[in-house]
Amino acid sequence: MRVRYGAGMTSPLRVTAAVSKVLAAFLEDPAVDRYGLDLMRASGHPSGTLYPILLRLQNAGWVEAYWEDIDPVQAGRPARRYYRLTPDGQASAYAEIAALQAQLSRGLGAAKPATKPATA
C-alpha cells in the first residue's frame, strides 16, 4: 500500500484493499467506461464506499469522469456519470495490483503451518 505521486496527479493515493477491488474492476476491460452501479456490482462495494474511492482516484489523476449526454425524460432514467482510467491510472493500477498480489503471496508463503497441540 504505497502512496503514489506522478505527473498530473494532484494528491497522493493510498492503495488499500478496497481501492484495489475498484482498480481490478476497471482492469477487467480498461477500454470500457464504467458507471457507479456497474462498479458497485463488480467491486462488491456499496455506494458509500465506492464513491469516495472514485473521488480519491479522480483527485490522484488515475480516473477521469464525465456525465452522459442524454435527455433523462426520453431515456426514462437519470444521466449516468461514467468513469475511466487515465493512461497513468491504468499503468499505476496494474503496478499496484501486481505489488499487492506479490505481497499477499509472500505473506502466504511465510505463514507457519498450523500444528495440532500435543496430547498427553
PDB file of N, CA and C in Angstrom:
ATOM      1  N   MET A   1       0.836  -1.179   0.000  1.00  0.00           N
ATOM      2  CA  MET A   1       0.000   0.000   0.000  1.00  0.00           C
ATOM      3  C   MET A   1       0.879   1.239   0.000  1.00  0.00           C
ATOM      4  N   ARG A   2       1.382   1.530  -1.156  1.00  0.00           N
ATOM      5  CA  ARG A   2       2.269   2.666  -1.291  1.00  0.00           C
ATOM      6  C   ARG A   2       1.473   3.902  -1.666  1.00  0.00           C
ATOM      7  N   VAL A   3       2.043   5.036  -1.372  1.00  0.00           N
ATOM      8  CA  VAL A   3       1.452   6.305  -1.795  1.00  0.00           C
ATOM      9  C   VAL A   3       2.177   6.713  -3.060  1.00  0.00           C
ATOM     10  N   ARG A   4       1.417   6.977  -4.103  1.00  0.00           N
ATOM     11  CA  ARG A   4       1.995   7.299  -5.399  1.00  0.00           C
ATOM     12  C   ARG A   4       1.811   8.771  -5.723  1.00  0.00           C
ATOM     13  N   TYR A   5       2.847   9.359  -6.335  1.00  0.00           N
ATOM     14  CA  TYR A   5       2.771  10.686  -6.906  1.00  0.00           C
ATOM     15  C   TYR A   5       3.169  10.524  -8.363  1.00  0.00           C
ATOM     16  N   GLY A   6       2.688  11.367  -9.215  1.00  0.00           N
ATOM     17  CA  GLY A   6       3.083  11.270 -10.602  1.00  0.00           C
ATOM     18  C   GLY A   6       2.706  12.520 -11.350  1.00  0.00           C
ATOM     19  N   ALA A   7       3.094  12.561 -12.601  1.00  0.00           N
ATOM     20  CA  ALA A   7       2.802  13.717 -13.434  1.00  0.00           C
ATOM     21  C   ALA A   7       1.304  13.916 -13.542  1.00  0.00           C
ATOM     22  N   GLY A   8       0.847  15.107 -13.269  1.00  0.00           N
ATOM     23  CA  GLY A   8      -0.564  15.424 -13.392  1.00  0.00           C
ATOM     24  C   GLY A   8      -1.398  14.998 -12.207  1.00  0.00           C
ATOM     25  N   MET A   9      -0.791  14.328 -11.252  1.00  0.00           N
ATOM     26  CA  MET A   9      -1.556  13.876 -10.101  1.00  0.00           C
ATOM     27  C   MET A   9      -1.581  14.987  -9.061  1.00  0.00           C
ATOM     28  N   THR A  10      -2.758  15.272  -8.563  1.00  0.00           N
ATOM     29  CA  THR A  10      -2.903  16.394  -7.665  1.00  0.00           C
ATOM     30  C   THR A  10      -2.810  16.004  -6.209  1.00  0.00           C
ATOM     31  N   SER A  11      -3.013  14.755  -5.885  1.00  0.00           N
ATOM     32  CA  SER A  11      -2.920  14.337  -4.496  1.00  0.00           C
ATOM     33  C   SER A  11      -2.457  12.893  -4.424  1.00  0.00           C
ATOM     34  N   PRO A  12      -1.836  12.510  -3.308  1.00  0.00           N
ATOM     35  CA  PRO A  12      -1.349  11.140  -3.172  1.00  0.00           C
ATOM     36  C   PRO A  12      -2.511  10.164  -3.024  1.00  0.00           C
ATOM     37  N   LEU A  13      -2.247   8.918  -3.345  1.00  0.00           N
ATOM     38  CA  LEU A  13      -3.274   7.885  -3.241  1.00  0.00           C
ATOM     39  C   LEU A  13      -2.709   6.702  -2.483  1.00  0.00           C
ATOM     40  N   ARG A  14      -3.401   6.299  -1.443  1.00  0.00           N
ATOM     41  CA  ARG A  14      -3.040   5.101  -0.697  1.00  0.00           C
ATOM     42  C   ARG A  14      -3.898   3.965  -1.239  1.00  0.00           C
ATOM     43  N   VAL A  15      -3.254   2.945  -1.768  1.00  0.00           N
ATOM     44  CA  VAL A  15      -3.981   1.829  -2.371  1.00  0.00           C
ATOM     45  C   VAL A  15      -4.257   0.787  -1.290  1.00  0.00           C
ATOM     46  N   THR A  16      -5.487   0.786  -0.832  1.00  0.00           N
ATOM     47  CA  THR A  16      -5.946  -0.170   0.172  1.00  0.00           C
ATOM     48  C   THR A  16      -6.588  -1.359  -0.536  1.00  0.00           C
ATOM     49  N   ALA A  17      -7.013  -2.343   0.230  1.00  0.00           N
ATOM     50  CA  ALA A  17      -7.707  -3.488  -0.352  1.00  0.00           C
ATOM     51  C   ALA A  17      -8.992  -3.036  -1.042  1.00  0.00           C
ATOM     52  N   ALA A  18      -9.704  -2.076  -0.445  1.00  0.00           N
ATOM     53  CA  ALA A  18     -10.944  -1.573  -1.048  1.00  0.00           C
ATOM     54  C   ALA A  18     -10.659  -0.872  -2.370  1.00  0.00           C
ATOM     55  N   VAL A  19      -9.608  -0.068  -2.415  1.00  0.00           N
ATOM     56  CA  VAL A  19      -9.233   0.624  -3.652  1.00  0.00           C
ATOM     57  C   VAL A  19      -8.807  -0.393  -4.702  1.00  0.00           C
ATOM     58  N   SER A  20      -8.074  -1.419  -4.292  1.00  0.00           N
ATOM     59  CA  SER A  20      -7.611  -2.421  -5.256  1.00  0.00           C
ATOM     60  C   SER A  20      -8.780  -3.161  -5.900  1.00  0.00           C
ATOM     61  N   LYS A  21      -9.878  -3.362  -5.178  1.00  0.00           N
ATOM     62  CA  LYS A  21     -11.051  -4.003  -5.776  1.00  0.00           C
ATOM     63  C   LYS A  21     -11.641  -3.127  -6.882  1.00  0.00           C
ATOM     64  N   VAL A  22     -11.673  -1.831  -6.661  1.00  0.00           N
ATOM     65  CA  VAL A  22     -12.192  -0.908  -7.677  1.00  0.00           C
ATOM     66  C   VAL A  22     -11.249  -0.884  -8.873  1.00  0.00           C
ATOM     67  N   LEU A  23      -9.948  -0.839  -8.614  1.00  0.00           N
ATOM     68  CA  LEU A  23      -8.979  -0.854  -9.711  1.00  0.00           C
ATOM     69  C   LEU A  23      -9.093  -2.152 -10.512  1.00  0.00           C
ATOM     70  N   ALA A  24      -9.265  -3.269  -9.826  1.00  0.00           N
ATOM     71  CA  ALA A  24      -9.418  -4.557 -10.520  1.00  0.00           C
ATOM     72  C   ALA A  24     -10.662  -4.546 -11.401  1.00  0.00           C
ATOM     73  N   ALA A  25     -11.731  -3.903 -10.937  1.00  0.00           N
ATOM     74  CA  ALA A  25     -12.955  -3.809 -11.749  1.00  0.00           C
ATOM     75  C   ALA A  25     -12.676  -3.022 -13.020  1.00  0.00           C
ATOM     76  N   PHE A  26     -11.939  -1.928 -12.906  1.00  0.00           N
ATOM     77  CA  PHE A  26     -11.580  -1.152 -14.100  1.00  0.00           C
ATOM     78  C   PHE A  26     -10.699  -1.973 -15.034  1.00  0.00           C
ATOM     79  N   LEU A  27      -9.795  -2.746 -14.475  1.00  0.00           N
ATOM     80  CA  LEU A  27      -8.838  -3.501 -15.297  1.00  0.00           C
ATOM     81  C   LEU A  27      -9.451  -4.715 -15.975  1.00  0.00           C
ATOM     82  N   GLU A  28     -10.689  -5.085 -15.615  1.00  0.00           N
ATOM     83  CA  GLU A  28     -11.359  -6.180 -16.329  1.00  0.00           C
ATOM     84  C   GLU A  28     -11.434  -5.859 -17.811  1.00  0.00           C
ATOM     85  N   ASP A  29     -11.672  -4.608 -18.156  1.00  0.00           N
ATOM     86  CA  ASP A  29     -11.636  -4.123 -19.538  1.00  0.00           C
ATOM     87  C   ASP A  29     -11.361  -2.628 -19.487  1.00  0.00           C
ATOM     88  N   PRO A  30     -10.083  -2.242 -19.489  1.00  0.00           N
ATOM     89  CA  PRO A  30      -9.721  -0.837 -19.303  1.00  0.00           C
ATOM     90  C   PRO A  30     -10.274   0.123 -20.355  1.00  0.00           C
ATOM     91  N   ALA A  31     -10.664  -0.392 -21.519  1.00  0.00           N
ATOM     92  CA  ALA A  31     -11.175   0.480 -22.577  1.00  0.00           C
ATOM     93  C   ALA A  31     -12.645   0.847 -22.378  1.00  0.00           C
ATOM     94  N   VAL A  32     -13.325   0.162 -21.452  1.00  0.00           N
ATOM     95  CA  VAL A  32     -14.757   0.381 -21.242  1.00  0.00           C
ATOM     96  C   VAL A  32     -14.973   1.416 -20.153  1.00  0.00           C
ATOM     97  N   ASP A  33     -15.828   2.394 -20.441  1.00  0.00           N
ATOM     98  CA  ASP A  33     -16.223   3.366 -19.430  1.00  0.00           C
ATOM     99  C   ASP A  33     -17.211   2.695 -18.490  1.00  0.00           C
ATOM    100  N   ARG A  34     -17.062   2.950 -17.206  1.00  0.00           N
ATOM    101  CA  ARG A  34     -17.897   2.296 -16.205  1.00  0.00           C
ATOM    102  C   ARG A  34     -18.708   3.338 -15.456  1.00  0.00           C
ATOM    103  N   TYR A  35     -19.908   2.989 -15.018  1.00  0.00           N
ATOM    104  CA  TYR A  35     -20.721   3.889 -14.203  1.00  0.00           C
ATOM    105  C   TYR A  35     -20.868   3.292 -12.813  1.00  0.00           C
ATOM    106  N   GLY A  36     -21.373   4.074 -11.879  1.00  0.00           N
ATOM    107  CA  GLY A  36     -21.384   3.712 -10.474  1.00  0.00           C
ATOM    108  C   GLY A  36     -21.982   2.356 -10.149  1.00  0.00           C
ATOM    109  N   LEU A  37     -23.203   2.097 -10.593  1.00  0.00           N
ATOM    110  CA  LEU A  37     -23.858   0.828 -10.268  1.00  0.00           C
ATOM    111  C   LEU A  37     -23.065  -0.349 -10.823  1.00  0.00           C
ATOM    112  N   ASP A  38     -22.543  -0.189 -12.017  1.00  0.00           N
ATOM    113  CA  ASP A  38     -21.711  -1.214 -12.641  1.00  0.00           C
ATOM    114  C   ASP A  38     -20.477  -1.496 -11.776  1.00  0.00           C
ATOM    115  N   LEU A  39     -19.830  -0.443 -11.295  1.00  0.00           N
ATOM    116  CA  LEU A  39     -18.644  -0.607 -10.451  1.00  0.00           C
ATOM    117  C   LEU A  39     -18.990  -1.168  -9.077  1.00  0.00           C
ATOM    118  N   MET A  40     -20.175  -0.813  -8.557  1.00  0.00           N
ATOM    119  CA  MET A  40     -20.599  -1.385  -7.274  1.00  0.00           C
ATOM    120  C   MET A  40     -20.739  -2.901  -7.404  1.00  0.00           C
ATOM    121  N   ARG A  41     -21.373  -3.340  -8.469  1.00  0.00           N
ATOM    122  CA  ARG A  41     -21.554  -4.776  -8.696  1.00  0.00           C
ATOM    123  C   ARG A  41     -20.213  -5.483  -8.885  1.00  0.00           C
ATOM    124  N   ALA A  42     -19.325  -4.874  -9.666  1.00  0.00           N
ATOM    125  CA  ALA A  42     -18.042  -5.504  -9.974  1.00  0.00           C
ATOM    126  C   ALA A  42     -17.108  -5.549  -8.769  1.00  0.00           C
ATOM    127  N   SER A  43     -17.147  -4.513  -7.933  1.00  0.00           N
ATOM    128  CA  SER A  43     -16.226  -4.449  -6.797  1.00  0.00           C
ATOM    129  C   SER A  43     -16.817  -5.040  -5.521  1.00  0.00           C
ATOM    130  N   GLY A  44     -18.147  -5.112  -5.466  1.00  0.00           N
ATOM    131  CA  GLY A  44     -18.803  -5.583  -4.254  1.00  0.00           C
ATOM    132  C   GLY A  44     -18.953  -4.505  -3.190  1.00  0.00           C
ATOM    133  N   HIS A  45     -18.602  -3.273  -3.530  1.00  0.00           N
ATOM    134  CA  HIS A  45     -18.689  -2.160  -2.582  1.00  0.00           C
ATOM    135  C   HIS A  45     -20.049  -1.470  -2.672  1.00  0.00           C
ATOM    136  N   PRO A  46     -20.595  -1.044  -1.530  1.00  0.00           N
ATOM    137  CA  PRO A  46     -21.802  -0.211  -1.563  1.00  0.00           C
ATOM    138  C   PRO A  46     -21.426   1.206  -2.010  1.00  0.00           C
ATOM    139  N   SER A  47     -22.431   1.995  -2.333  1.00  0.00           N
ATOM    140  CA  SER A  47     -22.175   3.348  -2.833  1.00  0.00           C
ATOM    141  C   SER A  47     -21.382   4.199  -1.843  1.00  0.00           C
ATOM    142  N   GLY A  48     -21.626   4.019  -0.550  1.00  0.00           N
ATOM    143  CA  GLY A  48     -20.929   4.800   0.461  1.00  0.00           C
ATOM    144  C   GLY A  48     -19.441   4.514   0.546  1.00  0.00           C
ATOM    145  N   THR A  49     -19.019   3.393  -0.004  1.00  0.00           N
ATOM    146  CA  THR A  49     -17.596   3.055  -0.085  1.00  0.00           C
ATOM    147  C   THR A  49     -17.051   3.409  -1.460  1.00  0.00           C
ATOM    148  N   LEU A  50     -17.823   3.089  -2.497  1.00  0.00           N
ATOM    149  CA  LEU A  50     -17.339   3.274  -3.861  1.00  0.00           C
ATOM    150  C   LEU A  50     -17.101   4.732  -4.228  1.00  0.00           C
ATOM    151  N   TYR A  51     -18.077   5.596  -3.991  1.00  0.00           N
ATOM    152  CA  TYR A  51     -17.953   6.970  -4.481  1.00  0.00           C
ATOM    153  C   TYR A  51     -16.811   7.745  -3.830  1.00  0.00           C
ATOM    154  N   PRO A  52     -16.535   7.578  -2.538  1.00  0.00           N
ATOM    155  CA  PRO A  52     -15.333   8.230  -2.002  1.00  0.00           C
ATOM    156  C   PRO A  52     -14.042   7.699  -2.643  1.00  0.00           C
ATOM    157  N   ILE A  53     -14.011   6.410  -2.961  1.00  0.00           N
ATOM    158  CA  ILE A  53     -12.836   5.846  -3.633  1.00  0.00           C
ATOM    159  C   ILE A  53     -12.697   6.457  -5.024  1.00  0.00           C
ATOM    160  N   LEU A  54     -13.807   6.549  -5.757  1.00  0.00           N
ATOM    161  CA  LEU A  54     -13.748   7.152  -7.099  1.00  0.00           C
ATOM    162  C   LEU A  54     -13.271   8.599  -7.030  1.00  0.00           C
ATOM    163  N   LEU A  55     -13.711   9.329  -6.028  1.00  0.00           N
ATOM    164  CA  LEU A  55     -13.267  10.719  -5.863  1.00  0.00           C
ATOM    165  C   LEU A  55     -11.767  10.769  -5.577  1.00  0.00           C
ATOM    166  N   ARG A  56     -11.289   9.875  -4.728  1.00  0.00           N
ATOM    167  CA  ARG A  56      -9.847   9.830  -4.448  1.00  0.00           C
ATOM    168  C   ARG A  56      -9.058   9.470  -5.698  1.00  0.00           C
ATOM    169  N   LEU A  57      -9.580   8.523  -6.496  1.00  0.00           N
ATOM    170  CA  LEU A  57      -8.907   8.153  -7.748  1.00  0.00           C
ATOM    171  C   LEU A  57      -8.880   9.326  -8.723  1.00  0.00           C
ATOM    172  N   GLN A  58      -9.965  10.097  -8.780  1.00  0.00           N
ATOM    173  CA  GLN A  58     -10.005  11.284  -9.631  1.00  0.00           C
ATOM    174  C   GLN A  58      -8.997  12.324  -9.139  1.00  0.00           C
ATOM    175  N   ASN A  59      -8.975  12.582  -7.841  1.00  0.00           N
ATOM    176  CA  ASN A  59      -8.056  13.579  -7.287  1.00  0.00           C
ATOM    177  C   ASN A  59      -6.600  13.197  -7.507  1.00  0.00           C
ATOM    178  N   ALA A  60      -6.328  11.905  -7.555  1.00  0.00           N
ATOM    179  CA  ALA A  60      -4.967  11.428  -7.796  1.00  0.00           C
ATOM    180  C   ALA A  60      -4.611  11.443  -9.281  1.00  0.00           C
ATOM    181  N   GLY A  61      -5.597  11.669 -10.147  1.00  0.00           N
ATOM    182  CA  GLY A  61      -5.343  11.679 -11.584  1.00  0.00           C
ATOM    183  C   GLY A  61      -5.386  10.305 -12.220  1.00  0.00           C
ATOM    184  N   TRP A  62      -5.872   9.302 -11.502  1.00  0.00           N
ATOM    185  CA  TRP A  62      -5.935   7.945 -12.031  1.00  0.00           C
ATOM    186  C   TRP A  62      -7.218   7.696 -12.805  1.00  0.00           C
ATOM    187  N   VAL A  63      -8.270   8.443 -12.506  1.00  0.00           N
ATOM    188  CA  VAL A  63      -9.580   8.261 -13.130  1.00  0.00           C
ATOM    189  C   VAL A  63     -10.096   9.606 -13.587  1.00  0.00           C
ATOM    190  N   GLU A  64     -10.753   9.598 -14.750  1.00  0.00           N
ATOM    191  CA  GLU A  64     -11.461  10.793 -15.205  1.00  0.00           C
ATOM    192  C   GLU A  64     -12.940  10.442 -15.292  1.00  0.00           C
ATOM    193  N   ALA A  65     -13.784  11.450 -15.172  1.00  0.00           N
ATOM    194  CA  ALA A  65     -15.232  11.211 -15.152  1.00  0.00           C
ATOM    195  C   ALA A  65     -15.937  12.219 -16.040  1.00  0.00           C
ATOM    196  N   TYR A  66     -17.092  11.810 -16.548  1.00  0.00           N
ATOM    197  CA  TYR A  66     -17.925  12.715 -17.335  1.00  0.00           C
ATOM    198  C   TYR A  66     -19.380  12.276 -17.212  1.00  0.00           C
ATOM    199  N   TRP A  67     -20.277  13.214 -17.423  1.00  0.00           N
ATOM    200  CA  TRP A  67     -21.705  12.918 -17.405  1.00  0.00           C
ATOM    201  C   TRP A  67     -22.161  12.503 -18.791  1.00  0.00           C
ATOM    202  N   GLU A  68     -22.970  11.494 -18.826  1.00  0.00           N
ATOM    203  CA  GLU A  68     -23.591  11.014 -20.055  1.00  0.00           C
ATOM    204  C   GLU A  68     -24.462  12.131 -20.631  1.00  0.00           C
ATOM    205  N   ASP A  69     -24.413  12.287 -21.936  1.00  0.00           N
ATOM    206  CA  ASP A  69     -25.186  13.339 -22.600  1.00  0.00           C
ATOM    207  C   ASP A  69     -26.488  12.736 -23.146  1.00  0.00           C
ATOM    208  N   ILE A  70     -27.509  12.669 -22.270  1.00  0.00           N
ATOM    209  CA  ILE A  70     -28.802  12.139 -22.686  1.00  0.00           C
ATOM    210  C   ILE A  70     -29.904  13.059 -22.182  1.00  0.00           C
ATOM    211  N   ASP A  71     -31.082  12.869 -22.725  1.00  0.00           N
ATOM    212  CA  ASP A  71     -32.276  13.528 -22.205  1.00  0.00           C
ATOM    213  C   ASP A  71     -32.899  12.548 -21.221  1.00  0.00           C
ATOM    214  N   PRO A  72     -32.858  12.847 -19.909  1.00  0.00           N
ATOM    215  CA  PRO A  72     -33.369  11.905 -18.915  1.00  0.00           C
ATOM    216  C   PRO A  72     -34.844  11.536 -19.121  1.00  0.00           C
ATOM    217  N   VAL A  73     -35.647  12.471 -19.620  1.00  0.00           N
ATOM    218  CA  VAL A  73     -37.058  12.181 -19.851  1.00  0.00           C
ATOM    219  C   VAL A  73     -37.198  11.162 -20.970  1.00  0.00           C
ATOM    220  N   GLN A  74     -36.497  11.385 -22.050  1.00  0.00           N
ATOM    221  CA  GLN A  74     -36.571  10.476 -23.189  1.00  0.00           C
ATOM    222  C   GLN A  74     -35.967   9.105 -22.847  1.00  0.00           C
ATOM    223  N   ALA A  75     -34.864   9.091 -22.096  1.00  0.00           N
ATOM    224  CA  ALA A  75     -34.211   7.831 -21.738  1.00  0.00           C
ATOM    225  C   ALA A  75     -34.965   7.089 -20.636  1.00  0.00           C
ATOM    226  N   GLY A  76     -35.773   7.821 -19.889  1.00  0.00           N
ATOM    227  CA  GLY A  76     -36.517   7.198 -18.801  1.00  0.00           C
ATOM    228  C   GLY A  76     -35.673   6.898 -17.575  1.00  0.00           C
ATOM    229  N   ARG A  77     -34.531   7.578 -17.457  1.00  0.00           N
ATOM    230  CA  ARG A  77     -33.635   7.411 -16.311  1.00  0.00           C
ATOM    231  C   ARG A  77     -32.717   8.632 -16.241  1.00  0.00           C
ATOM    232  N   PRO A  78     -32.136   8.842 -15.068  1.00  0.00           N
ATOM    233  CA  PRO A  78     -31.197   9.956 -14.956  1.00  0.00           C
ATOM    234  C   PRO A  78     -29.928   9.697 -15.767  1.00  0.00           C
ATOM    235  N   ALA A  79     -29.231  10.764 -16.092  1.00  0.00           N
ATOM    236  CA  ALA A  79     -27.941  10.623 -16.771  1.00  0.00           C
ATOM    237  C   ALA A  79     -26.964   9.926 -15.832  1.00  0.00           C
ATOM    238  N   ARG A  80     -26.098   9.129 -16.413  1.00  0.00           N
ATOM    239  CA  ARG A  80     -25.082   8.413 -15.639  1.00  0.00           C
ATOM    240  C   ARG A  80     -23.767   9.184 -15.666  1.00  0.00           C
ATOM    241  N   ARG A  81     -23.024   9.051 -14.595  1.00  0.00           N
ATOM    242  CA  ARG A  81     -21.664   9.583 -14.560  1.00  0.00           C
ATOM    243  C   ARG A  81     -20.751   8.408 -14.868  1.00  0.00           C
ATOM    244  N   TYR A  82     -19.966   8.542 -15.921  1.00  0.00           N
ATOM    245  CA  TYR A  82     -19.057   7.479 -16.348  1.00  0.00           C
ATOM    246  C   TYR A  82     -17.638   7.773 -15.886  1.00  0.00           C
ATOM    247  N   TYR A  83     -16.923   6.695 -15.596  1.00  0.00           N
ATOM    248  CA  TYR A  83     -15.552   6.781 -15.102  1.00  0.00           C
ATOM    249  C   TYR A  83     -14.660   5.937 -16.003  1.00  0.00           C
ATOM    250  N   ARG A  84     -13.434   6.418 -16.172  1.00  0.00           N
ATOM    251  CA  ARG A  84     -12.455   5.705 -16.999  1.00  0.00           C
ATOM    252  C   ARG A  84     -11.069   5.914 -16.407  1.00  0.00           C
ATOM    253  N   LEU A  85     -10.254   4.867 -16.429  1.00  0.00           N
ATOM    254  CA  LEU A  85      -8.871   5.016 -16.010  1.00  0.00           C
ATOM    255  C   LEU A  85      -8.131   5.902 -17.004  1.00  0.00           C
ATOM    256  N   THR A  86      -7.300   6.793 -16.505  1.00  0.00           N
ATOM    257  CA  THR A  86      -6.409   7.563 -17.366  1.00  0.00           C
ATOM    258  C   THR A  86      -5.248   6.645 -17.751  1.00  0.00           C
ATOM    259  N   PRO A  87      -4.466   7.015 -18.752  1.00  0.00           N
ATOM    260  CA  PRO A  87      -3.290   6.179 -19.072  1.00  0.00           C
ATOM    261  C   PRO A  87      -2.361   5.996 -17.868  1.00  0.00           C
ATOM    262  N   ASP A  88      -2.103   7.078 -17.114  1.00  0.00           N
ATOM    263  CA  ASP A  88      -1.285   6.960 -15.899  1.00  0.00           C
ATOM    264  C   ASP A  88      -1.974   6.073 -14.874  1.00  0.00           C
ATOM    265  N   GLY A  89      -3.287   6.225 -14.749  1.00  0.00           N
ATOM    266  CA  GLY A  89      -4.043   5.424 -13.801  1.00  0.00           C
ATOM    267  C   GLY A  89      -4.009   3.950 -14.150  1.00  0.00           C
ATOM    268  N   GLN A  90      -4.094   3.655 -15.437  1.00  0.00           N
ATOM    269  CA  GLN A  90      -4.057   2.255 -15.867  1.00  0.00           C
ATOM    270  C   GLN A  90      -2.699   1.638 -15.548  1.00  0.00           C
ATOM    271  N   ALA A  91      -1.622   2.339 -15.873  1.00  0.00           N
ATOM    272  CA  ALA A  91      -0.285   1.823 -15.584  1.00  0.00           C
ATOM    273  C   ALA A  91      -0.089   1.654 -14.080  1.00  0.00           C
ATOM    274  N   SER A  92      -0.526   2.639 -13.312  1.00  0.00           N
ATOM    275  CA  SER A  92      -0.389   2.575 -11.856  1.00  0.00           C
ATOM    276  C   SER A  92      -1.243   1.449 -11.278  1.00  0.00           C
ATOM    277  N   ALA A  93      -2.442   1.267 -11.818  1.00  0.00           N
ATOM    278  CA  ALA A  93      -3.338   0.216 -11.326  1.00  0.00           C
ATOM    279  C   ALA A  93      -2.711  -1.158 -11.543  1.00  0.00           C
ATOM    280  N   TYR A  94      -2.166  -1.404 -12.740  1.00  0.00           N
ATOM    281  CA  TYR A  94      -1.513  -2.689 -12.992  1.00  0.00           C
ATOM    282  C   TYR A  94      -0.351  -2.903 -12.020  1.00  0.00           C
ATOM    283  N   ALA A  95       0.450  -1.859 -11.808  1.00  0.00           N
ATOM    284  CA  ALA A  95       1.601  -1.969 -10.911  1.00  0.00           C
ATOM    285  C   ALA A  95       1.159  -2.235  -9.476  1.00  0.00           C
ATOM    286  N   GLU A  96       0.137  -1.538  -9.016  1.00  0.00           N
ATOM    287  CA  GLU A  96      -0.325  -1.703  -7.637  1.00  0.00           C
ATOM    288  C   GLU A  96      -0.971  -3.071  -7.407  1.00  0.00           C
ATOM    289  N   ILE A  97      -1.753  -3.544  -8.368  1.00  0.00           N
ATOM    290  CA  ILE A  97      -2.370  -4.867  -8.239  1.00  0.00           C
ATOM    291  C   ILE A  97      -1.281  -5.937  -8.217  1.00  0.00           C
ATOM    292  N   ALA A  98      -0.268  -5.804  -9.081  1.00  0.00           N
ATOM    293  CA  ALA A  98       0.838  -6.768  -9.095  1.00  0.00           C
ATOM    294  C   ALA A  98       1.597  -6.739  -7.774  1.00  0.00           C
ATOM    295  N   ALA A  99       1.833  -5.544  -7.233  1.00  0.00           N
ATOM    296  CA  ALA A  99       2.537  -5.427  -5.955  1.00  0.00           C
ATOM    297  C   ALA A  99       1.722  -6.042  -4.824  1.00  0.00           C
ATOM    298  N   LEU A 100       0.416  -5.829  -4.844  1.00  0.00           N
ATOM    299  CA  LEU A 100      -0.444  -6.401  -3.818  1.00  0.00           C
ATOM    300  C   LEU A 100      -0.449  -7.926  -3.906  1.00  0.00           C
ATOM    301  N   GLN A 101      -0.524  -8.450  -5.126  1.00  0.00           N
ATOM    302  CA  GLN A 101      -0.500  -9.911  -5.295  1.00  0.00           C
ATOM    303  C   GLN A 101       0.826 -10.496  -4.823  1.00  0.00           C
ATOM    304  N   ALA A 102       1.921  -9.806  -5.113  1.00  0.00           N
ATOM    305  CA  ALA A 102       3.234 -10.278  -4.670  1.00  0.00           C
ATOM    306  C   ALA A 102       3.325 -10.239  -3.148  1.00  0.00           C
ATOM    307  N   GLN A 103       2.817  -9.178  -2.559  1.00  0.00           N
ATOM    308  CA  GLN A 103       2.837  -9.059  -1.103  1.00  0.00           C
ATOM    309  C   GLN A 103       2.001 -10.165  -0.461  1.00  0.00           C
ATOM    310  N   LEU A 104       0.826 -10.432  -1.036  1.00  0.00           N
ATOM    311  CA  LEU A 104      -0.024 -11.492  -0.491  1.00  0.00           C
ATOM    312  C   LEU A 104       0.617 -12.866  -0.646  1.00  0.00           C
ATOM    313  N   SER A 105       1.253 -13.117  -1.782  1.00  0.00           N
ATOM    314  CA  SER A 105       1.869 -14.430  -1.974  1.00  0.00           C
ATOM    315  C   SER A 105       3.076 -14.607  -1.061  1.00  0.00           C
ATOM    316  N   ARG A 106       3.820 -13.537  -0.795  1.00  0.00           N
ATOM    317  CA  ARG A 106       4.933 -13.622   0.160  1.00  0.00           C
ATOM    318  C   ARG A 106       4.392 -13.885   1.559  1.00  0.00           C
ATOM    319  N   GLY A 107       3.292 -13.220   1.890  1.00  0.00           N
ATOM    320  CA  GLY A 107       2.693 -13.398   3.213  1.00  0.00           C
ATOM    321  C   GLY A 107       2.175 -14.805   3.409  1.00  0.00           C
ATOM    322  N   LEU A 108       1.593 -15.375   2.368  1.00  0.00           N
ATOM    323  CA  LEU A 108       1.085 -16.741   2.471  1.00  0.00           C
ATOM    324  C   LEU A 108       2.225 -17.742   2.563  1.00  0.00           C
ATOM    325  N   GLY A 109       3.291 -17.500   1.850  1.00  0.00           N
ATOM    326  CA  GLY A 109       4.439 -18.403   1.875  1.00  0.00           C
ATOM    327  C   GLY A 109       5.172 -18.347   3.204  1.00  0.00           C
ATOM    328  N   ALA A 110       5.119 -17.205   3.885  1.00  0.00           N
ATOM    329  CA  ALA A 110       5.830 -17.032   5.154  1.00  0.00           C
ATOM    330  C   ALA A 110       5.034 -17.540   6.330  1.00  0.00           C
ATOM    331  N   ALA A 111       3.753 -17.810   6.111  1.00  0.00           N
ATOM    332  CA  ALA A 111       2.917 -18.251   7.229  1.00  0.00           C
ATOM    333  C   ALA A 111       3.354 -19.638   7.686  1.00  0.00           C
ATOM    334  N   LYS A 112       3.381 -19.824   8.998  1.00  0.00           N
ATOM    335  CA  LYS A 112       3.737 -21.132   9.546  1.00  0.00           C
ATOM    336  C   LYS A 112       2.496 -22.027   9.507  1.00  0.00           C
ATOM    337  N   PRO A 113       2.691 -23.281   9.167  1.00  0.00           N
ATOM    338  CA  PRO A 113       1.534 -24.184   9.155  1.00  0.00           C
ATOM    339  C   PRO A 113       1.011 -24.385  10.570  1.00  0.00           C
ATOM    340  N   ALA A 114      -0.269 -24.538  10.652  1.00  0.00           N
ATOM    341  CA  ALA A 114      -0.880 -24.771  11.960  1.00  0.00           C
ATOM    342  C   ALA A 114      -0.496 -26.147  12.456  1.00  0.00           C
ATOM    343  N   THR A 115      -0.198 -26.224  13.734  1.00  0.00           N
ATOM    344  CA  THR A 115       0.143 -27.527  14.309  1.00  0.00           C
ATOM    345  C   THR A 115      -0.889 -27.890  15.347  1.00  0.00           C
ATOM    346  N   LYS A 116      -1.095 -29.174  15.487  1.00  0.00           N
ATOM    347  CA  LYS A 116      -2.047 -29.656  16.486  1.00  0.00           C
ATOM    348  C   LYS A 116      -1.362 -29.638  17.848  1.00  0.00           C
ATOM    349  N   PRO A 117      -2.094 -29.258  18.877  1.00  0.00           N
ATOM    350  CA  PRO A 117      -1.480 -29.285  20.218  1.00  0.00           C
ATOM    351  C   PRO A 117      -1.173 -30.730  20.607  1.00  0.00           C
ATOM    352  N   ALA A 118      -0.104 -30.857  21.348  1.00  0.00           N
ATOM    353  CA  ALA A 118       0.301 -32.189  21.817  1.00  0.00           C
ATOM    354  C   ALA A 118      -0.712 -32.704  22.827  1.00  0.00           C
ATOM    355  N   THR A 119      -1.060 -33.974  22.707  1.00  0.00           N
ATOM    356  CA  THR A 119      -1.999 -34.573  23.654  1.00  0.00           C
ATOM    357  C   THR A 119      -1.220 -35.485  24.600  1.00  0.00           C
ATOM    358  N   ALA A 120      -1.626 -35.538  25.818  1.00  0.00           N
ATOM    359  CA  ALA A 120      -0.903 -36.340  26.806  1.00  0.00           C
ATOM    360  C   ALA A 120      -1.570 -37.670  27.034  1.00  0.00           C
TER     361      ALA A 120
END
